C-alpha atoms as a PDB file:
ATOM      1  CA  MET A   1      -4.600   2.096 -24.814  1.00  0.00           C
ATOM      2  CA  PHE A   2      -2.057   2.828 -21.688  1.00  0.00           C
ATOM      3  CA  GLU A   3       1.042   2.165 -23.825  1.00  0.00           C
ATOM      4  CA  GLY A   4       3.594   4.642 -23.947  1.00  0.00           C
ATOM      5  CA  LEU A   5       2.059   6.456 -21.020  1.00  0.00           C
ATOM      6  CA  PHE A   6       5.089   7.062 -18.681  1.00  0.00           C
ATOM      7  CA  GLN A   7       7.685   8.131 -21.042  1.00  0.00           C
ATOM      8  CA  PRO A   8      10.261  10.582 -19.559  1.00  0.00           C
ATOM      9  CA  THR A   9       8.927  13.741 -20.946  1.00  0.00           C
ATOM     10  CA  HIS A  10       5.572  12.853 -19.452  1.00  0.00           C
ATOM     11  CA  LEU A  11       6.784  12.375 -16.473  1.00  0.00           C
ATOM     12  CA  ILE A  12       9.130  15.494 -16.627  1.00  0.00           C
ATOM     13  CA  ILE A  13       6.060  17.372 -17.811  1.00  0.00           C
ATOM     14  CA  ILE A  14       3.594  15.828 -14.922  1.00  0.00           C
ATOM     15  CA  PHE A  15       6.927  16.466 -12.542  1.00  0.00           C
ATOM     16  CA  ALA A  16       7.065  20.493 -13.779  1.00  0.00           C
ATOM     17  CA  ILE A  17       2.956  21.238 -13.290  1.00  0.00           C
ATOM     18  CA  ALA A  18       3.216  19.527 -10.220  1.00  0.00           C
ATOM     19  CA  LEU A  19       6.346  22.110  -8.920  1.00  0.00           C
ATOM     20  CA  LEU A  20       4.123  24.951 -10.116  1.00  0.00           C
ATOM     21  CA  ILE A  21       1.126  23.828  -8.404  1.00  0.00           C
ATOM     22  CA  PHE A  22       2.219  22.768  -5.007  1.00  0.00           C
ATOM     23  CA  GLY A  23       5.575  24.883  -4.927  1.00  0.00           C
ATOM     24  CA  PRO A  24       8.950  23.569  -3.878  1.00  0.00           C
ATOM     25  CA  ARG A  25       8.284  23.385  -0.466  1.00  0.00           C
ATOM     26  CA  LYS A  26       5.673  21.332  -0.336  1.00  0.00           C
ATOM     27  CA  LEU A  27       6.681  18.657  -2.943  1.00  0.00           C
ATOM     28  CA  PRO A  28       8.897  16.753  -0.488  1.00  0.00           C
ATOM     29  CA  GLU A  29       6.025  16.747   2.074  1.00  0.00           C
ATOM     30  CA  LEU A  30       3.659  15.197  -0.376  1.00  0.00           C
ATOM     31  CA  GLY A  31       6.185  12.602  -1.908  1.00  0.00           C
ATOM     32  CA  LYS A  32       7.090  11.649   1.625  1.00  0.00           C
ATOM     33  CA  GLY A  33       3.115  11.207   2.630  1.00  0.00           C
ATOM     34  CA  LEU A  34       2.731   9.169  -0.620  1.00  0.00           C
ATOM     35  CA  GLY A  35       5.092   7.283   0.170  1.00  0.00           C
ATOM     36  CA  GLU A  36       4.099   6.890   3.862  1.00  0.00           C
ATOM     37  CA  GLY A  37       0.554   5.527   2.520  1.00  0.00           C
ATOM     38  CA  ILE A  38       1.590   3.269   0.094  1.00  0.00           C
ATOM     39  CA  ARG A  39       3.834   1.654   2.465  1.00  0.00           C
ATOM     40  CA  ALA A  40       0.937   1.295   4.960  1.00  0.00           C
ATOM     41  CA  LEU A  41      -1.030  -0.312   2.325  1.00  0.00           C
ATOM     42  CA  LYS A  42       1.300  -2.963   1.136  1.00  0.00           C
ATOM     43  CA  GLU A  43       1.961  -3.549   5.481  1.00  0.00           C
ATOM     44  CA  GLY A  44      -2.082  -3.744   5.853  1.00  0.00           C
ATOM     45  CA  MET A  45      -2.192  -6.141   2.944  1.00  0.00           C
ATOM     46  CA  LYS A  46       0.520  -8.625   3.946  1.00  0.00           C
ATOM     47  CA  ASP A  47      -1.282  -8.442   8.009  1.00  0.00           C
ATOM     48  CA  ASN A  48      -4.495  -9.376   5.978  1.00  0.00           C
ATOM     49  CA  ALA A  49      -3.339 -12.122   4.002  1.00  0.00           C
ATOM     50  CA  SER A  50      -1.990 -13.883   6.987  1.00  0.00           C
ATOM     51  CA  ALA A  51      -4.820 -13.274   9.441  1.00  0.00           C
ATOM     52  CA  PRO A  52      -7.303 -15.764   7.977  1.00  0.00           C
ATOM     53  CA  THR A  53      -4.626 -18.554   8.680  1.00  0.00           C
ATOM     54  CA  GLU A  54      -3.836 -17.648  12.138  1.00  0.00           C
ATOM     55  CA  GLN A  55      -7.775 -17.425  12.949  1.00  0.00           C
ATOM     56  CA  SER A  56      -8.146 -20.901  11.135  1.00  0.00           C
ATOM     57  CA  LYS A  57      -5.490 -22.883  13.189  1.00  0.00           C
ATOM     58  CA  ASN A  58      -7.092 -21.133  16.719  1.00  0.00           C
ATOM     59  CA  THR A  59     -10.455 -22.189  15.748  1.00  0.00           C
ATOM     60  CA  GLU A  60      -9.039 -25.734  14.859  1.00  0.00           C
ATOM     61  CA  SER A  61      -7.395 -26.044  17.844  1.00  0.00           C
ATOM     62  CA  LYS A  62     -10.634 -24.839  19.976  1.00  0.00           C
ATOM     63  CA  ASP A  63     -12.720 -27.610  17.856  1.00  0.00           C
ATOM     64  CA  SER A  64     -10.437 -30.452  18.617  1.00  0.00           C
ATOM     65  CA  LYS A  65     -10.317 -29.701  22.462  1.00  0.00           C
ATOM     66  CA  GLU A  66     -14.031 -29.618  22.185  1.00  0.00           C
ATOM     67  CA  ILE A  67     -14.404 -33.168  20.749  1.00  0.00           C
ATOM     68  CA  LYS A  68     -11.653 -34.628  23.339  1.00  0.00           C
ATOM     69  CA  SER A  69     -13.289 -33.352  26.103  1.00  0.00           C
END
């Protein structure tokens, strides 16, 4: 369905339309904001993936201390 959707000519046309809509001054700002958003999303996904393992380790150590007492 989406085969060949992002061919170079399609990307050039999309870029030209964006240039007409937003103007040459806003495009770098939009690109920067988009890049920062993607970067923050990736960092959030990494943090979220590692958080449960740290929490489970803390819970296990508390349980073992209660059993010993």
